[in-house]
Amino acid sequence: MEAIILAGGFGTRLKEVVPDLPKPMAPIGTRPFLEILLLSLARKGFKRVVLSLGYMADRITDYFGNSFANMNLVYEIEDFPLGTGGAIRRSLKHIERDHAFIFNGDTYLDLEVDEVEKIWQEYNLPIIVAREVCDTSRYGRLQTSNGFVIGFSEKSVSGAGLVNAGCYIFPTTIFNDVNLNETFSLENDFLHEAVKYNKFRVFVSRGYFIDIGIPEDYKRAQVELAKVVL
């Protein structure tokens, strides 16, 4: 299996606690967060990972090199910010199979990879991974029907519900017939419209989920991730 990890953002909200590192290299205990994420993917059977980088890319390439945990690492480095959509589109060019798992470099999700891969093999449709949370207001709520994503609600919607876990399984051809700028947001410029006219399956993960993108959750990860993976 092959994965893409989006690890090129500036990490603006985390600057106050991690001022001199790219966000995916923020330490969790004695290890960079990205190392924990890669070790998780290795345990789940991934053999090849494309790392989409931008800000302070050399900190990541120098640390990991061309292989890690028996996985081949390939780097797609942005000359300028491409947005999540642009970064994924560039990275998909490195994928050798017909689909890729896509993860955010600041989010840990203990995904049931074998279950998701089975769904892909059965239906060959793009998959958006969701997670049930107590309060959707930080993430925005997913609207689903009969196993498919049909829309996205604004981040102001509070209360328990399903959120986009920042994980996708996409065919390598997903952007082939879409007219998009070189730089674009996956959700705002593509998915919000695409789910209205195309079938995107939803998979609700039961695995541990944490996004370290804000200081409060980064601090929480120091304790919780130690219990889960270290």
C-alpha atoms as a PDB file:
ATOM      1  CA  MET A   1       0.000   0.000   0.000  1.00  0.00           C
ATOM      2  CA  GLU A   2       1.028   3.578  -0.648  1.00  0.00           C
ATOM      3  CA  ALA A   3       0.323   6.726   1.353  1.00  0.00           C
ATOM      4  CA  ILE A   4       0.665  10.470   0.943  1.00  0.00           C
ATOM      5  CA  ILE A   5       1.352  12.603   4.022  1.00  0.00           C
ATOM      6  CA  LEU A   6       0.651  16.340   3.789  1.00  0.00           C
ATOM      7  CA  ALA A   7       3.458  17.900   5.804  1.00  0.00           C
ATOM      8  CA  GLY A   8       4.122  21.234   4.140  1.00  0.00           C
ATOM      9  CA  GLY A   9       2.129  23.740   6.195  1.00  0.00           C
ATOM     10  CA  PHE A  10       3.522  26.633   8.219  1.00  0.00           C
ATOM     11  CA  GLY A  11       1.911  25.547  11.487  1.00  0.00           C
ATOM     12  CA  THR A  12       1.021  29.119  12.396  1.00  0.00           C
ATOM     13  CA  ARG A  13      -1.203  28.215  15.352  1.00  0.00           C
ATOM     14  CA  LEU A  14       1.540  26.064  16.904  1.00  0.00           C
ATOM     15  CA  LYS A  15       4.316  28.653  16.558  1.00  0.00           C
ATOM     16  CA  GLU A  16       4.048  29.787  20.150  1.00  0.00           C
ATOM     17  CA  VAL A  17       5.082  26.356  21.462  1.00  0.00           C
ATOM     18  CA  VAL A  18       7.158  25.022  18.536  1.00  0.00           C
ATOM     19  CA  PRO A  19       8.754  28.142  17.008  1.00  0.00           C
ATOM     20  CA  ASP A  20      11.720  26.644  15.157  1.00  0.00           C
ATOM     21  CA  LEU A  21      10.407  23.437  13.551  1.00  0.00           C
ATOM     22  CA  PRO A  22       7.909  22.466  10.851  1.00  0.00           C
ATOM     23  CA  LYS A  23       4.715  21.355  12.580  1.00  0.00           C
ATOM     24  CA  PRO A  24       5.047  17.623  11.708  1.00  0.00           C
ATOM     25  CA  MET A  25       8.440  17.593  13.476  1.00  0.00           C
ATOM     26  CA  ALA A  26       6.985  18.902  16.742  1.00  0.00           C
ATOM     27  CA  PRO A  27       8.300  16.611  19.488  1.00  0.00           C
ATOM     28  CA  ILE A  28       6.000  14.201  21.263  1.00  0.00           C
ATOM     29  CA  GLY A  29       8.125  13.021  24.153  1.00  0.00           C
ATOM     30  CA  THR A  30      11.478  12.270  22.529  1.00  0.00           C
ATOM     31  CA  ARG A  31      10.199  11.678  18.976  1.00  0.00           C
ATOM     32  CA  PRO A  32       8.960  13.975  16.217  1.00  0.00           C
ATOM     33  CA  PHE A  33       5.242  13.622  15.605  1.00  0.00           C
ATOM     34  CA  LEU A  34       5.904  12.610  11.997  1.00  0.00           C
ATOM     35  CA  GLU A  35       8.062   9.708  13.173  1.00  0.00           C
ATOM     36  CA  ILE A  36       5.168   8.403  15.263  1.00  0.00           C
ATOM     37  CA  LEU A  37       2.861   8.712  12.262  1.00  0.00           C
ATOM     38  CA  LEU A  38       5.287   6.896   9.958  1.00  0.00           C
ATOM     39  CA  LEU A  39       5.839   4.087  12.463  1.00  0.00           C
ATOM     40  CA  SER A  40       2.078   3.628  12.639  1.00  0.00           C
ATOM     41  CA  LEU A  41       1.833   3.345   8.850  1.00  0.00           C
ATOM     42  CA  ALA A  42       4.703   0.849   8.759  1.00  0.00           C
ATOM     43  CA  ARG A  43       2.932  -1.350  11.296  1.00  0.00           C
ATOM     44  CA  LYS A  44      -0.205  -1.235   9.167  1.00  0.00           C
ATOM     45  CA  GLY A  45       1.589  -2.574   6.100  1.00  0.00           C
ATOM     46  CA  PHE A  46       2.480   0.491   4.044  1.00  0.00           C
ATOM     47  CA  LYS A  47       5.589   0.065   1.922  1.00  0.00           C
ATOM     48  CA  ARG A  48       5.868   3.453   0.200  1.00  0.00           C
ATOM     49  CA  VAL A  49       5.091   6.956   1.427  1.00  0.00           C
ATOM     50  CA  VAL A  50       5.108  10.245  -0.480  1.00  0.00           C
ATOM     51  CA  LEU A  51       5.828  13.186   1.816  1.00  0.00           C
ATOM     52  CA  SER A  52       4.453  16.489   0.540  1.00  0.00           C
ATOM     53  CA  LEU A  53       6.702  19.180   2.010  1.00  0.00           C
ATOM     54  CA  GLY A  54       7.157  22.926   1.921  1.00  0.00           C
ATOM     55  CA  TYR A  55       8.094  24.961   4.987  1.00  0.00           C
ATOM     56  CA  MET A  56      11.479  23.849   6.415  1.00  0.00           C
ATOM     57  CA  ALA A  57      11.447  20.777   4.176  1.00  0.00           C
ATOM     58  CA  ASP A  58      15.140  20.115   4.831  1.00  0.00           C
ATOM     59  CA  ARG A  59      14.430  19.430   8.514  1.00  0.00           C
ATOM     60  CA  ILE A  60      12.309  16.480   7.417  1.00  0.00           C
ATOM     61  CA  THR A  61      14.408  15.178   4.534  1.00  0.00           C
ATOM     62  CA  ASP A  62      17.609  15.315   6.586  1.00  0.00           C
ATOM     63  CA  TYR A  63      16.002  13.434   9.466  1.00  0.00           C
ATOM     64  CA  PHE A  64      14.333  10.600   7.538  1.00  0.00           C
ATOM     65  CA  GLY A  65      16.344  10.218   4.326  1.00  0.00           C
ATOM     66  CA  ASN A  66      15.029   7.943   1.586  1.00  0.00           C
ATOM     67  CA  SER A  67      13.723   5.129   3.770  1.00  0.00           C
ATOM     68  CA  PHE A  68      12.324   4.661   7.236  1.00  0.00           C
ATOM     69  CA  ALA A  69      10.924   1.628   9.073  1.00  0.00           C
ATOM     70  CA  ASN A  70      11.306  -0.505   5.934  1.00  0.00           C
ATOM     71  CA  MET A  71       9.254   1.964   3.880  1.00  0.00           C
ATOM     72  CA  ASN A  72      10.497   3.834   0.820  1.00  0.00           C
ATOM     73  CA  LEU A  73      10.113   7.594   1.187  1.00  0.00           C
ATOM     74  CA  VAL A  74       9.535   9.902  -1.775  1.00  0.00           C
ATOM     75  CA  TYR A  75       9.527  13.695  -1.435  1.00  0.00           C
ATOM     76  CA  GLU A  76       7.397  16.223  -3.292  1.00  0.00           C
ATOM     77  CA  ILE A  77       8.660  19.656  -2.228  1.00  0.00           C
ATOM     78  CA  GLU A  78       6.668  22.805  -3.004  1.00  0.00           C
ATOM     79  CA  ASP A  79       8.412  25.908  -4.324  1.00  0.00           C
ATOM     80  CA  PHE A  80       5.431  27.902  -3.053  1.00  0.00           C
ATOM     81  CA  PRO A  81       2.300  26.923  -1.079  1.00  0.00           C
ATOM     82  CA  LEU A  82      -0.062  24.867  -3.249  1.00  0.00           C
ATOM     83  CA  GLY A  83      -2.882  24.388  -0.749  1.00  0.00           C
ATOM     84  CA  THR A  84      -4.036  20.940   0.324  1.00  0.00           C
ATOM     85  CA  GLY A  85      -5.561  20.156  -3.047  1.00  0.00           C
ATOM     86  CA  GLY A  86      -2.584  21.286  -5.088  1.00  0.00           C
ATOM     87  CA  ALA A  87      -0.234  19.351  -2.826  1.00  0.00           C
ATOM     88  CA  ILE A  88      -2.253  16.152  -3.192  1.00  0.00           C
ATOM     89  CA  ARG A  89      -2.491  16.522  -6.971  1.00  0.00           C
ATOM     90  CA  ARG A  90       1.296  16.885  -7.247  1.00  0.00           C
ATOM     91  CA  SER A  91       1.903  13.963  -4.888  1.00  0.00           C
ATOM     92  CA  LEU A  92      -0.455  11.606  -6.713  1.00  0.00           C
ATOM     93  CA  LYS A  93       1.932  11.709  -9.679  1.00  0.00           C
ATOM     94  CA  HIS A  94       4.378   9.671  -7.590  1.00  0.00           C
ATOM     95  CA  ILE A  95       1.871   6.934  -6.740  1.00  0.00           C
ATOM     96  CA  GLU A  96       2.517   3.645  -8.549  1.00  0.00           C
ATOM     97  CA  ARG A  97      -0.790   1.891  -7.818  1.00  0.00           C
ATOM     98  CA  ASP A  98      -4.292   3.040  -8.778  1.00  0.00           C
ATOM     99  CA  HIS A  99      -5.053   4.652  -5.406  1.00  0.00           C
ATOM    100  CA  ALA A 100      -3.414   6.170  -2.337  1.00  0.00           C
ATOM    101  CA  PHE A 101      -4.241   6.718   1.315  1.00  0.00           C
ATOM    102  CA  ILE A 102      -3.849  10.393   2.227  1.00  0.00           C
ATOM    103  CA  PHE A 103      -3.067  11.596   5.760  1.00  0.00           C
ATOM    104  CA  ASN A 104      -2.472  14.982   7.365  1.00  0.00           C
ATOM    105  CA  GLY A 105       1.000  15.403   8.814  1.00  0.00           C
ATOM    106  CA  ASP A 106      -0.375  16.954  12.009  1.00  0.00           C
ATOM    107  CA  THR A 107      -3.094  14.368  12.698  1.00  0.00           C
ATOM    108  CA  TYR A 108      -2.792  10.933  14.251  1.00  0.00           C
ATOM    109  CA  LEU A 109      -5.547   8.529  13.275  1.00  0.00           C
ATOM    110  CA  ASP A 110      -5.393   4.856  14.179  1.00  0.00           C
ATOM    111  CA  LEU A 111      -7.141   3.927  10.946  1.00  0.00           C
ATOM    112  CA  GLU A 112      -8.538   0.460  10.263  1.00  0.00           C
ATOM    113  CA  VAL A 113      -6.504   0.260   7.067  1.00  0.00           C
ATOM    114  CA  ASP A 114      -7.421  -3.314   6.118  1.00  0.00           C
ATOM    115  CA  GLU A 115     -11.144  -2.535   6.358  1.00  0.00           C
ATOM    116  CA  VAL A 116     -10.793   0.588   4.244  1.00  0.00           C
ATOM    117  CA  GLU A 117      -8.676  -1.165   1.634  1.00  0.00           C
ATOM    118  CA  LYS A 118     -11.342  -3.877   1.362  1.00  0.00           C
ATOM    119  CA  ILE A 119     -13.992  -1.209   0.698  1.00  0.00           C
ATOM    120  CA  TRP A 120     -11.809   0.341  -1.979  1.00  0.00           C
ATOM    121  CA  GLN A 121     -11.283  -3.000  -3.687  1.00  0.00           C
ATOM    122  CA  GLU A 122     -15.013  -3.693  -3.644  1.00  0.00           C
ATOM    123  CA  TYR A 123     -16.319  -0.347  -4.924  1.00  0.00           C
ATOM    124  CA  ASN A 124     -13.364   1.573  -6.433  1.00  0.00           C
ATOM    125  CA  LEU A 125     -14.854   4.850  -5.235  1.00  0.00           C
ATOM    126  CA  PRO A 126     -13.081   7.652  -3.356  1.00  0.00           C
ATOM    127  CA  ILE A 127     -13.451   7.429   0.415  1.00  0.00           C
ATOM    128  CA  ILE A 128     -13.573  10.192   3.019  1.00  0.00           C
ATOM    129  CA  VAL A 129     -12.688   8.974   6.509  1.00  0.00           C
ATOM    130  CA  ALA A 130     -14.868  10.372   9.277  1.00  0.00           C
ATOM    131  CA  ARG A 131     -14.611  10.286  13.060  1.00  0.00           C
ATOM    132  CA  GLU A 132     -17.278  10.764  15.717  1.00  0.00           C
ATOM    133  CA  VAL A 133     -16.336  13.597  18.106  1.00  0.00           C
ATOM    134  CA  CYS A 134     -18.045  15.259  21.053  1.00  0.00           C
ATOM    135  CA  ASP A 135     -17.949  18.740  19.514  1.00  0.00           C
ATOM    136  CA  THR A 136     -17.745  19.341  15.761  1.00  0.00           C
ATOM    137  CA  SER A 137     -17.331  23.140  16.032  1.00  0.00           C
ATOM    138  CA  ARG A 138     -13.543  23.084  15.544  1.00  0.00           C
ATOM    139  CA  TYR A 139     -13.614  20.808  12.509  1.00  0.00           C
ATOM    140  CA  GLY A 140     -16.890  21.303  10.683  1.00  0.00           C
ATOM    141  CA  ARG A 141     -19.480  18.569  10.411  1.00  0.00           C
ATOM    142  CA  LEU A 142     -19.805  15.968   7.671  1.00  0.00           C
ATOM    143  CA  GLN A 143     -23.233  15.410   6.174  1.00  0.00           C
ATOM    144  CA  THR A 144     -23.759  11.777   5.176  1.00  0.00           C
ATOM    145  CA  SER A 145     -26.522   9.605   3.767  1.00  0.00           C
ATOM    146  CA  ASN A 146     -26.609   5.846   3.151  1.00  0.00           C
ATOM    147  CA  GLY A 147     -22.863   5.463   3.423  1.00  0.00           C
ATOM    148  CA  PHE A 148     -21.921   8.483   1.289  1.00  0.00           C
ATOM    149  CA  VAL A 149     -20.740  12.028   2.042  1.00  0.00           C
ATOM    150  CA  ILE A 150     -23.243  14.534   0.665  1.00  0.00           C
ATOM    151  CA  GLY A 151     -22.022  17.818   2.168  1.00  0.00           C
ATOM    152  CA  PHE A 152     -20.040  19.783   4.736  1.00  0.00           C
ATOM    153  CA  SER A 153     -21.311  22.080   7.477  1.00  0.00           C
ATOM    154  CA  GLU A 154     -19.504  25.164   8.729  1.00  0.00           C
ATOM    155  CA  LYS A 155     -17.156  24.929  11.703  1.00  0.00           C
ATOM    156  CA  SER A 156     -19.575  26.875  13.900  1.00  0.00           C
ATOM    157  CA  VAL A 157     -21.907  23.857  14.222  1.00  0.00           C
ATOM    158  CA  SER A 158     -21.437  22.510  17.753  1.00  0.00           C
ATOM    159  CA  GLY A 159     -22.392  19.279  19.455  1.00  0.00           C
ATOM    160  CA  ALA A 160     -21.526  15.653  18.787  1.00  0.00           C
ATOM    161  CA  GLY A 161     -21.297  14.400  15.219  1.00  0.00           C
ATOM    162  CA  LEU A 162     -19.097  13.182  12.403  1.00  0.00           C
ATOM    163  CA  VAL A 163     -16.116  15.237  11.264  1.00  0.00           C
ATOM    164  CA  ASN A 164     -13.701  14.896   8.397  1.00  0.00           C
ATOM    165  CA  ALA A 165     -10.683  13.130   9.923  1.00  0.00           C
ATOM    166  CA  GLY A 166      -8.366  14.572   7.277  1.00  0.00           C
ATOM    167  CA  CYS A 167      -7.832  11.162   5.737  1.00  0.00           C
ATOM    168  CA  TYR A 168      -8.859  10.056   2.250  1.00  0.00           C
ATOM    169  CA  ILE A 169      -8.472   7.193  -0.174  1.00  0.00           C
ATOM    170  CA  PHE A 170      -8.342   8.641  -3.666  1.00  0.00           C
ATOM    171  CA  PRO A 171      -7.818   7.150  -7.111  1.00  0.00           C
ATOM    172  CA  THR A 172      -4.798   8.645  -8.812  1.00  0.00           C
ATOM    173  CA  THR A 173      -7.114  10.002 -11.520  1.00  0.00           C
ATOM    174  CA  ILE A 174      -9.393  11.962  -9.175  1.00  0.00           C
ATOM    175  CA  PHE A 175      -8.382  15.403 -10.514  1.00  0.00           C
ATOM    176  CA  ASN A 176      -7.996  14.437 -14.171  1.00  0.00           C
ATOM    177  CA  ASP A 177     -11.276  15.864 -15.436  1.00  0.00           C
ATOM    178  CA  VAL A 178     -11.526  18.865 -13.109  1.00  0.00           C
ATOM    179  CA  ASN A 179     -10.548  22.415 -14.043  1.00  0.00           C
ATOM    180  CA  LEU A 180      -8.640  23.726 -11.036  1.00  0.00           C
ATOM    181  CA  ASN A 181      -5.909  26.276 -10.408  1.00  0.00           C
ATOM    182  CA  GLU A 182      -2.425  25.079  -9.547  1.00  0.00           C
ATOM    183  CA  THR A 183      -3.076  26.170  -5.965  1.00  0.00           C
ATOM    184  CA  PHE A 184      -6.350  25.093  -4.401  1.00  0.00           C
ATOM    185  CA  SER A 185      -7.972  23.882  -1.201  1.00  0.00           C
ATOM    186  CA  LEU A 186      -9.078  20.258  -1.262  1.00  0.00           C
ATOM    187  CA  GLU A 187     -12.227  20.886   0.774  1.00  0.00           C
ATOM    188  CA  ASN A 188     -13.294  24.381  -0.263  1.00  0.00           C
ATOM    189  CA  ASP A 189     -12.364  24.305  -3.945  1.00  0.00           C
ATOM    190  CA  PHE A 190     -12.970  20.647  -4.751  1.00  0.00           C
ATOM    191  CA  LEU A 191     -14.802  18.436  -2.265  1.00  0.00           C
ATOM    192  CA  HIS A 192     -17.639  20.824  -1.398  1.00  0.00           C
ATOM    193  CA  GLU A 193     -18.846  20.673  -4.993  1.00  0.00           C
ATOM    194  CA  ALA A 194     -17.580  17.216  -5.935  1.00  0.00           C
ATOM    195  CA  VAL A 195     -19.667  15.387  -3.320  1.00  0.00           C
ATOM    196  CA  LYS A 196     -22.836  16.910  -4.810  1.00  0.00           C
ATOM    197  CA  TYR A 197     -22.326  15.260  -8.185  1.00  0.00           C
ATOM    198  CA  ASN A 198     -20.075  12.263  -7.527  1.00  0.00           C
ATOM    199  CA  LYS A 199     -20.105   9.351  -5.115  1.00  0.00           C
ATOM    200  CA  PHE A 200     -17.716   9.640  -2.169  1.00  0.00           C
ATOM    201  CA  ARG A 201     -18.075   6.806   0.305  1.00  0.00           C
ATOM    202  CA  VAL A 202     -17.706   7.540   4.012  1.00  0.00           C
ATOM    203  CA  PHE A 203     -15.825   5.285   6.412  1.00  0.00           C
ATOM    204  CA  VAL A 204     -16.336   6.027  10.099  1.00  0.00           C
ATOM    205  CA  SER A 205     -13.138   5.180  11.921  1.00  0.00           C
ATOM    206  CA  ARG A 206     -13.244   3.960  15.483  1.00  0.00           C
ATOM    207  CA  GLY A 207      -9.527   4.529  16.032  1.00  0.00           C
ATOM    208  CA  TYR A 208      -7.812   7.021  18.282  1.00  0.00           C
ATOM    209  CA  PHE A 209      -7.823  10.498  16.705  1.00  0.00           C
ATOM    210  CA  ILE A 210      -5.966  13.673  17.619  1.00  0.00           C
ATOM    211  CA  ASP A 211      -4.955  16.788  15.675  1.00  0.00           C
ATOM    212  CA  ILE A 212      -1.925  18.551  17.197  1.00  0.00           C
ATOM    213  CA  GLY A 213      -2.529  21.766  15.237  1.00  0.00           C
ATOM    214  CA  ILE A 214      -3.374  23.931  18.249  1.00  0.00           C
ATOM    215  CA  PRO A 215      -1.376  24.276  21.497  1.00  0.00           C
ATOM    216  CA  GLU A 216      -4.087  22.756  23.687  1.00  0.00           C
ATOM    217  CA  ASP A 217      -4.256  19.533  21.687  1.00  0.00           C
ATOM    218  CA  TYR A 218      -0.488  19.424  21.227  1.00  0.00           C
ATOM    219  CA  LYS A 219      -0.165  19.430  25.005  1.00  0.00           C
ATOM    220  CA  ARG A 220      -2.832  16.710  25.264  1.00  0.00           C
ATOM    221  CA  ALA A 221      -0.964  14.607  22.712  1.00  0.00           C
ATOM    222  CA  GLN A 222       2.100  14.527  24.960  1.00  0.00           C
ATOM    223  CA  VAL A 223       0.134  12.384  27.386  1.00  0.00           C
ATOM    224  CA  GLU A 224      -2.331  10.551  25.183  1.00  0.00           C
ATOM    225  CA  LEU A 225      -0.032   9.515  22.333  1.00  0.00           C
ATOM    226  CA  ALA A 226       2.462   8.132  24.845  1.00  0.00           C
ATOM    227  CA  LYS A 227      -0.260   5.720  25.962  1.00  0.00           C
ATOM    228  CA  VAL A 228      -1.308   4.780  22.449  1.00  0.00           C
ATOM    229  CA  VAL A 229       1.917   4.281  20.511  1.00  0.00           C
ATOM    230  CA  LEU A 230       5.131   4.892  22.436  1.00  0.00           C
END
